PDB file of all heavy atoms in Angstrom:
ATOM      1  N   GLN A   1       0.809  -1.220   0.000  1.00  0.00           N
ATOM      2  CA  GLN A   1       0.000   0.000   0.000  1.00  0.00           C
ATOM      3  C   GLN A   1       0.845   1.274   0.000  1.00  0.00           C
ATOM      4  O   GLN A   1       0.310   2.375  -0.094  1.00  0.00           O
ATOM      5  CB  GLN A   1      -0.932   0.008   1.216  1.00  0.00           C
ATOM      6  CG  GLN A   1      -1.963  -1.114   1.195  1.00  0.00           C
ATOM      7  CD  GLN A   1      -2.860  -1.033  -0.019  1.00  0.00           C
ATOM      8  OE1 GLN A   1      -3.559  -0.051  -0.218  1.00  0.00           O
ATOM      9  NE2 GLN A   1      -2.843  -2.073  -0.846  1.00  0.00           N
ATOM     10  N   GLY A   2       2.162   1.127   0.148  1.00  0.00           N
ATOM     11  CA  GLY A   2       3.030   2.296   0.076  1.00  0.00           C
ATOM     12  C   GLY A   2       2.876   3.261   1.226  1.00  0.00           C
ATOM     13  O   GLY A   2       3.019   4.474   1.048  1.00  0.00           O
ATOM     14  N   VAL A   3       2.608   2.759   2.418  1.00  0.00           N
ATOM     15  CA  VAL A   3       2.535   3.625   3.605  1.00  0.00           C
ATOM     16  C   VAL A   3       3.960   3.926   4.064  1.00  0.00           C
ATOM     17  O   VAL A   3       4.716   3.012   4.406  1.00  0.00           O
ATOM     18  CB  VAL A   3       1.725   2.971   4.737  1.00  0.00           C
ATOM     19  CG1 VAL A   3       1.680   3.895   5.960  1.00  0.00           C
ATOM     20  CG2 VAL A   3       0.322   2.637   4.274  1.00  0.00           C
ATOM     21  N   ARG A   4       4.327   5.195   4.078  1.00  0.00           N
ATOM     22  CA  ARG A   4       5.715   5.579   4.305  1.00  0.00           C
ATOM     23  C   ARG A   4       5.948   6.063   5.725  1.00  0.00           C
ATOM     24  O   ARG A   4       5.009   6.288   6.507  1.00  0.00           O
ATOM     25  CB  ARG A   4       6.126   6.664   3.295  1.00  0.00           C
ATOM     26  CG  ARG A   4       5.972   6.180   1.863  1.00  0.00           C
ATOM     27  CD  ARG A   4       6.368   7.226   0.843  1.00  0.00           C
ATOM     28  NE  ARG A   4       7.810   7.446   0.776  1.00  0.00           N
ATOM     29  CZ  ARG A   4       8.666   6.592   0.209  1.00  0.00           C
ATOM     30  NH1 ARG A   4       8.234   5.465  -0.327  1.00  0.00           N
ATOM     31  NH2 ARG A   4       9.950   6.870   0.171  1.00  0.00           N
ATOM     32  N   LEU A   5       7.254   6.240   6.034  1.00  0.00           N
ATOM     33  CA  LEU A   5       7.698   6.664   7.362  1.00  0.00           C
ATOM     34  C   LEU A   5       8.531   7.925   7.243  1.00  0.00           C
ATOM     35  O   LEU A   5       9.337   8.067   6.320  1.00  0.00           O
ATOM     36  CB  LEU A   5       8.541   5.556   8.014  1.00  0.00           C
ATOM     37  CG  LEU A   5       7.829   4.236   8.289  1.00  0.00           C
ATOM     38  CD1 LEU A   5       8.842   3.136   8.587  1.00  0.00           C
ATOM     39  CD2 LEU A   5       6.845   4.383   9.448  1.00  0.00           C
ATOM     40  N   HIS A   6       8.369   8.824   8.222  1.00  0.00           N
ATOM     41  CA  HIS A   6       9.054  10.118   8.157  1.00  0.00           C
ATOM     42  C   HIS A   6       9.385  10.605   9.564  1.00  0.00           C
ATOM     43  O   HIS A   6       8.606  10.395  10.504  1.00  0.00           O
ATOM     44  CB  HIS A   6       8.150  11.135   7.467  1.00  0.00           C
ATOM     45  CG  HIS A   6       8.767  12.489   7.297  1.00  0.00           C
ATOM     46  ND1 HIS A   6      10.015  12.684   6.761  1.00  0.00           N
ATOM     47  CD2 HIS A   6       8.298  13.738   7.601  1.00  0.00           C
ATOM     48  CE1 HIS A   6      10.286  13.979   6.731  1.00  0.00           C
ATOM     49  NE2 HIS A   6       9.263  14.630   7.239  1.00  0.00           N
ATOM     50  N   THR A   7      10.544  11.240   9.719  1.00  0.00           N
ATOM     51  CA  THR A   7      10.907  11.893  10.977  1.00  0.00           C
ATOM     52  C   THR A   7      12.018  12.897  10.708  1.00  0.00           C
ATOM     53  O   THR A   7      12.501  13.032   9.587  1.00  0.00           O
ATOM     54  CB  THR A   7      11.346  10.857  12.030  1.00  0.00           C
ATOM     55  OG1 THR A   7      11.423  11.483  13.318  1.00  0.00           O
ATOM     56  CG2 THR A   7      12.701  10.246  11.694  1.00  0.00           C
ATOM     57  N   HIS A   8      12.412  13.638  11.757  1.00  0.00           N
ATOM     58  CA  HIS A   8      13.572  14.525  11.695  1.00  0.00           C
ATOM     59  C   HIS A   8      14.812  13.743  12.113  1.00  0.00           C
ATOM     60  O   HIS A   8      14.753  12.924  13.027  1.00  0.00           O
ATOM     61  CB  HIS A   8      13.421  15.700  12.669  1.00  0.00           C
ATOM     62  CG  HIS A   8      12.247  16.585  12.412  1.00  0.00           C
ATOM     63  ND1 HIS A   8      11.002  16.342  12.950  1.00  0.00           N
ATOM     64  CD2 HIS A   8      12.137  17.726  11.697  1.00  0.00           C
ATOM     65  CE1 HIS A   8      10.175  17.309  12.574  1.00  0.00           C
ATOM     66  NE2 HIS A   8      10.828  18.164  11.806  1.00  0.00           N
ATOM     67  N   LEU A   9      15.956  14.055  11.491  1.00  0.00           N
ATOM     68  CA  LEU A   9      17.173  13.334  11.860  1.00  0.00           C
ATOM     69  C   LEU A   9      18.406  14.195  11.587  1.00  0.00           C
ATOM     70  O   LEU A   9      18.482  14.884  10.555  1.00  0.00           O
ATOM     71  CB  LEU A   9      17.289  12.027  11.056  1.00  0.00           C
ATOM     72  CG  LEU A   9      18.256  10.988  11.636  1.00  0.00           C
ATOM     73  CD1 LEU A   9      17.599  10.263  12.809  1.00  0.00           C
ATOM     74  CD2 LEU A   9      18.697   9.984  10.577  1.00  0.00           C
ATOM     75  N   ALA A  10      19.352  14.142  12.524  1.00  0.00           N
ATOM     76  CA  ALA A  10      20.683  14.741  12.339  1.00  0.00           C
ATOM     77  C   ALA A  10      20.590  16.195  11.878  1.00  0.00           C
ATOM     78  O   ALA A  10      21.291  16.621  10.977  1.00  0.00           O
ATOM     79  CB  ALA A  10      21.511  13.912  11.347  1.00  0.00           C
ATOM     80  N   GLU A  11      19.739  16.970  12.569  1.00  0.00           N
ATOM     81  CA  GLU A  11      19.478  18.334  12.098  1.00  0.00           C
ATOM     82  C   GLU A  11      20.580  19.307  12.472  1.00  0.00           C
ATOM     83  O   GLU A  11      20.913  20.198  11.692  1.00  0.00           O
ATOM     84  CB  GLU A  11      18.136  18.822  12.635  1.00  0.00           C
ATOM     85  CG  GLU A  11      17.727  20.165  12.084  1.00  0.00           C
ATOM     86  CD  GLU A  11      16.273  20.522  12.387  1.00  0.00           C
ATOM     87  OE1 GLU A  11      15.533  19.648  12.884  1.00  0.00           O
ATOM     88  OE2 GLU A  11      15.890  21.676  12.130  1.00  0.00           O
ATOM     89  N   ASN A  12      21.141  19.170  13.705  1.00  0.00           N
ATOM     90  CA  ASN A  12      22.222  20.086  14.099  1.00  0.00           C
ATOM     91  C   ASN A  12      23.131  19.416  15.121  1.00  0.00           C
ATOM     92  O   ASN A  12      22.964  18.238  15.454  1.00  0.00           O
ATOM     93  CB  ASN A  12      21.662  21.420  14.603  1.00  0.00           C
ATOM     94  CG  ASN A  12      20.973  21.314  15.964  1.00  0.00           C
ATOM     95  OD1 ASN A  12      20.937  20.258  16.583  1.00  0.00           O
ATOM     96  ND2 ASN A  12      20.435  22.421  16.428  1.00  0.00           N
ATOM     97  N   ASP A  13      24.091  20.153  15.635  1.00  0.00           N
ATOM     98  CA  ASP A  13      25.074  19.564  16.551  1.00  0.00           C
ATOM     99  C   ASP A  13      24.425  19.076  17.843  1.00  0.00           C
ATOM    100  O   ASP A  13      24.836  18.054  18.399  1.00  0.00           O
ATOM    101  CB  ASP A  13      26.173  20.583  16.870  1.00  0.00           C
ATOM    102  CG  ASP A  13      27.096  20.848  15.685  1.00  0.00           C
ATOM    103  OD1 ASP A  13      27.242  19.944  14.834  1.00  0.00           O
ATOM    104  OD2 ASP A  13      27.670  21.952  15.606  1.00  0.00           O
ATOM    105  N   HIS A  14      23.411  19.812  18.342  1.00  0.00           N
ATOM    106  CA  HIS A  14      22.729  19.375  19.561  1.00  0.00           C
ATOM    107  C   HIS A  14      22.005  18.052  19.332  1.00  0.00           C
ATOM    108  O   HIS A  14      21.943  17.200  20.225  1.00  0.00           O
ATOM    109  CB  HIS A  14      21.751  20.452  20.022  1.00  0.00           C
ATOM    110  CG  HIS A  14      22.393  21.737  20.430  1.00  0.00           C
ATOM    111  ND1 HIS A  14      23.251  21.831  21.508  1.00  0.00           N
ATOM    112  CD2 HIS A  14      22.326  22.981  19.904  1.00  0.00           C
ATOM    113  CE1 HIS A  14      23.674  23.075  21.638  1.00  0.00           C
ATOM    114  NE2 HIS A  14      23.133  23.796  20.666  1.00  0.00           N
ATOM    115  N   ASP A  15      21.468  17.888  18.158  1.00  0.00           N
ATOM    116  CA  ASP A  15      20.793  16.644  17.775  1.00  0.00           C
ATOM    117  C   ASP A  15      21.780  15.473  17.828  1.00  0.00           C
ATOM    118  O   ASP A  15      21.479  14.393  18.361  1.00  0.00           O
ATOM    119  CB  ASP A  15      20.237  16.816  16.357  1.00  0.00           C
ATOM    120  CG  ASP A  15      19.121  15.844  16.022  1.00  0.00           C
ATOM    121  OD1 ASP A  15      18.907  14.899  16.787  1.00  0.00           O
ATOM    122  OD2 ASP A  15      18.471  16.037  14.986  1.00  0.00           O
ATOM    123  N   ILE A  16      22.963  15.696  17.298  1.00  0.00           N
ATOM    124  CA  ILE A  16      24.003  14.655  17.319  1.00  0.00           C
ATOM    125  C   ILE A  16      24.406  14.331  18.753  1.00  0.00           C
ATOM    126  O   ILE A  16      24.511  13.156  19.149  1.00  0.00           O
ATOM    127  CB  ILE A  16      25.241  15.099  16.516  1.00  0.00           C
ATOM    128  CG1 ILE A  16      24.874  15.416  15.063  1.00  0.00           C
ATOM    129  CG2 ILE A  16      26.334  14.033  16.578  1.00  0.00           C
ATOM    130  CD1 ILE A  16      24.336  14.272  14.281  1.00  0.00           C
ATOM    131  N   ALA A  17      24.628  15.383  19.554  1.00  0.00           N
ATOM    132  CA  ALA A  17      25.061  15.183  20.946  1.00  0.00           C
ATOM    133  C   ALA A  17      24.009  14.410  21.733  1.00  0.00           C
ATOM    134  O   ALA A  17      24.350  13.518  22.528  1.00  0.00           O
ATOM    135  CB  ALA A  17      25.344  16.537  21.593  1.00  0.00           C
ATOM    136  N   TYR A  18      22.728  14.729  21.521  1.00  0.00           N
ATOM    137  CA  TYR A  18      21.652  14.029  22.216  1.00  0.00           C
ATOM    138  C   TYR A  18      21.661  12.547  21.854  1.00  0.00           C
ATOM    139  O   TYR A  18      21.544  11.673  22.724  1.00  0.00           O
ATOM    140  CB  TYR A  18      20.306  14.654  21.844  1.00  0.00           C
ATOM    141  CG  TYR A  18      19.119  14.036  22.560  1.00  0.00           C
ATOM    142  CD1 TYR A  18      18.661  14.552  23.763  1.00  0.00           C
ATOM    143  CD2 TYR A  18      18.459  12.921  22.033  1.00  0.00           C
ATOM    144  CE1 TYR A  18      17.578  13.987  24.422  1.00  0.00           C
ATOM    145  CE2 TYR A  18      17.379  12.349  22.684  1.00  0.00           C
ATOM    146  CZ  TYR A  18      16.939  12.892  23.873  1.00  0.00           C
ATOM    147  OH  TYR A  18      15.872  12.313  24.527  1.00  0.00           O
ATOM    148  N   SER A  19      21.808  12.248  20.572  1.00  0.00           N
ATOM    149  CA  SER A  19      21.800  10.861  20.121  1.00  0.00           C
ATOM    150  C   SER A  19      22.970  10.072  20.708  1.00  0.00           C
ATOM    151  O   SER A  19      22.803   8.934  21.163  1.00  0.00           O
ATOM    152  CB  SER A  19      21.841  10.811  18.596  1.00  0.00           C
ATOM    153  OG  SER A  19      21.744   9.495  18.130  1.00  0.00           O
ATOM    154  N   LEU A  20      24.152  10.684  20.705  1.00  0.00           N
ATOM    155  CA  LEU A  20      25.325   9.994  21.237  1.00  0.00           C
ATOM    156  C   LEU A  20      25.204   9.765  22.735  1.00  0.00           C
ATOM    157  O   LEU A  20      25.576   8.695  23.255  1.00  0.00           O
ATOM    158  CB  LEU A  20      26.583  10.797  20.921  1.00  0.00           C
ATOM    159  CG  LEU A  20      26.994  10.857  19.441  1.00  0.00           C
ATOM    160  CD1 LEU A  20      28.152  11.820  19.247  1.00  0.00           C
ATOM    161  CD2 LEU A  20      27.364   9.461  18.928  1.00  0.00           C
ATOM    162  N   GLU A  21      24.670  10.752  23.455  1.00  0.00           N
ATOM    163  CA  GLU A  21      24.534  10.610  24.906  1.00  0.00           C
ATOM    164  C   GLU A  21      23.423   9.639  25.275  1.00  0.00           C
ATOM    165  O   GLU A  21      23.594   8.785  26.150  1.00  0.00           O
ATOM    166  CB  GLU A  21      24.254  11.979  25.530  1.00  0.00           C
ATOM    167  CG  GLU A  21      24.071  11.923  27.047  1.00  0.00           C
ATOM    168  CD  GLU A  21      23.753  13.279  27.659  1.00  0.00           C
ATOM    169  OE1 GLU A  21      23.800  14.299  26.929  1.00  0.00           O
ATOM    170  OE2 GLU A  21      23.435  13.320  28.864  1.00  0.00           O
ATOM    171  N   LYS A  22      22.286   9.744  24.595  1.00  0.00           N
ATOM    172  CA  LYS A  22      21.109   8.972  24.973  1.00  0.00           C
ATOM    173  C   LYS A  22      21.172   7.537  24.458  1.00  0.00           C
ATOM    174  O   LYS A  22      20.803   6.586  25.169  1.00  0.00           O
ATOM    175  CB  LYS A  22      19.858   9.661  24.413  1.00  0.00           C
ATOM    176  CG  LYS A  22      18.545   8.993  24.759  1.00  0.00           C
ATOM    177  CD  LYS A  22      18.094   9.332  26.148  1.00  0.00           C
ATOM    178  CE  LYS A  22      16.677   8.821  26.404  1.00  0.00           C
ATOM    179  NZ  LYS A  22      16.228   9.095  27.779  1.00  0.00           N
ATOM    180  N   PHE A  23      21.639   7.372  23.201  1.00  0.00           N
ATOM    181  CA  PHE A  23      21.569   6.063  22.565  1.00  0.00           C
ATOM    182  C   PHE A  23      22.936   5.449  22.278  1.00  0.00           C
ATOM    183  O   PHE A  23      23.010   4.306  21.816  1.00  0.00           O
ATOM    184  CB  PHE A  23      20.784   6.171  21.245  1.00  0.00           C
ATOM    185  CG  PHE A  23      19.463   6.860  21.375  1.00  0.00           C
ATOM    186  CD1 PHE A  23      19.215   8.056  20.706  1.00  0.00           C
ATOM    187  CD2 PHE A  23      18.460   6.336  22.178  1.00  0.00           C
ATOM    188  CE1 PHE A  23      18.002   8.705  20.819  1.00  0.00           C
ATOM    189  CE2 PHE A  23      17.232   6.976  22.304  1.00  0.00           C
ATOM    190  CZ  PHE A  23      17.011   8.169  21.631  1.00  0.00           C
ATOM    191  N   LYS A  24      23.991   6.228  22.521  1.00  0.00           N
ATOM    192  CA  LYS A  24      25.367   5.776  22.220  1.00  0.00           C
ATOM    193  C   LYS A  24      25.540   5.441  20.744  1.00  0.00           C
ATOM    194  O   LYS A  24      26.349   4.583  20.368  1.00  0.00           O
ATOM    195  CB  LYS A  24      25.747   4.545  23.069  1.00  0.00           C
ATOM    196  CG  LYS A  24      25.425   4.651  24.550  1.00  0.00           C
ATOM    197  CD  LYS A  24      26.076   5.851  25.207  1.00  0.00           C
ATOM    198  CE  LYS A  24      25.749   5.908  26.703  1.00  0.00           C
ATOM    199  NZ  LYS A  24      26.070   7.214  27.312  1.00  0.00           N
ATOM    200  N   ARG A  25      24.791   6.116  19.909  1.00  0.00           N
ATOM    201  CA  ARG A  25      24.810   5.865  18.479  1.00  0.00           C
ATOM    202  C   ARG A  25      24.692   7.201  17.745  1.00  0.00           C
ATOM    203  O   ARG A  25      24.094   8.150  18.248  1.00  0.00           O
ATOM    204  CB  ARG A  25      23.629   4.979  18.052  1.00  0.00           C
ATOM    205  CG  ARG A  25      23.477   3.689  18.844  1.00  0.00           C
ATOM    206  CD  ARG A  25      24.517   2.685  18.434  1.00  0.00           C
ATOM    207  NE  ARG A  25      24.118   1.960  17.232  1.00  0.00           N
ATOM    208  CZ  ARG A  25      24.943   1.233  16.504  1.00  0.00           C
ATOM    209  NH1 ARG A  25      26.233   1.180  16.814  1.00  0.00           N
ATOM    210  NH2 ARG A  25      24.505   0.577  15.441  1.00  0.00           N
ATOM    211  N   THR A  26      25.244   7.266  16.541  1.00  0.00           N
ATOM    212  CA  THR A  26      24.956   8.415  15.697  1.00  0.00           C
ATOM    213  C   THR A  26      23.491   8.333  15.258  1.00  0.00           C
ATOM    214  O   THR A  26      22.876   7.252  15.320  1.00  0.00           O
ATOM    215  CB  THR A  26      25.847   8.438  14.448  1.00  0.00           C
ATOM    216  OG1 THR A  26      25.476   7.331  13.607  1.00  0.00           O
ATOM    217  CG2 THR A  26      27.323   8.365  14.803  1.00  0.00           C
ATOM    218  N   PRO A  27      22.907   9.432  14.797  1.00  0.00           N
ATOM    219  CA  PRO A  27      21.514   9.354  14.347  1.00  0.00           C
ATOM    220  C   PRO A  27      21.286   8.306  13.260  1.00  0.00           C
ATOM    221  O   PRO A  27      20.271   7.595  13.288  1.00  0.00           O
ATOM    222  CB  PRO A  27      21.248  10.771  13.833  1.00  0.00           C
ATOM    223  CG  PRO A  27      22.126  11.635  14.675  1.00  0.00           C
ATOM    224  CD  PRO A  27      23.383  10.836  14.855  1.00  0.00           C
TER     225      PRO A  27
END
C-alpha cells in the first residue's frame, strides 16, 4: 500500500550530541 515513514534526523550539533549521549549511536 506504500505507507511511508518520516521523521527529523541529524538536524544540528545538539541533535548529534543528544543521540550519542542517549543512545550511544549516531543518528
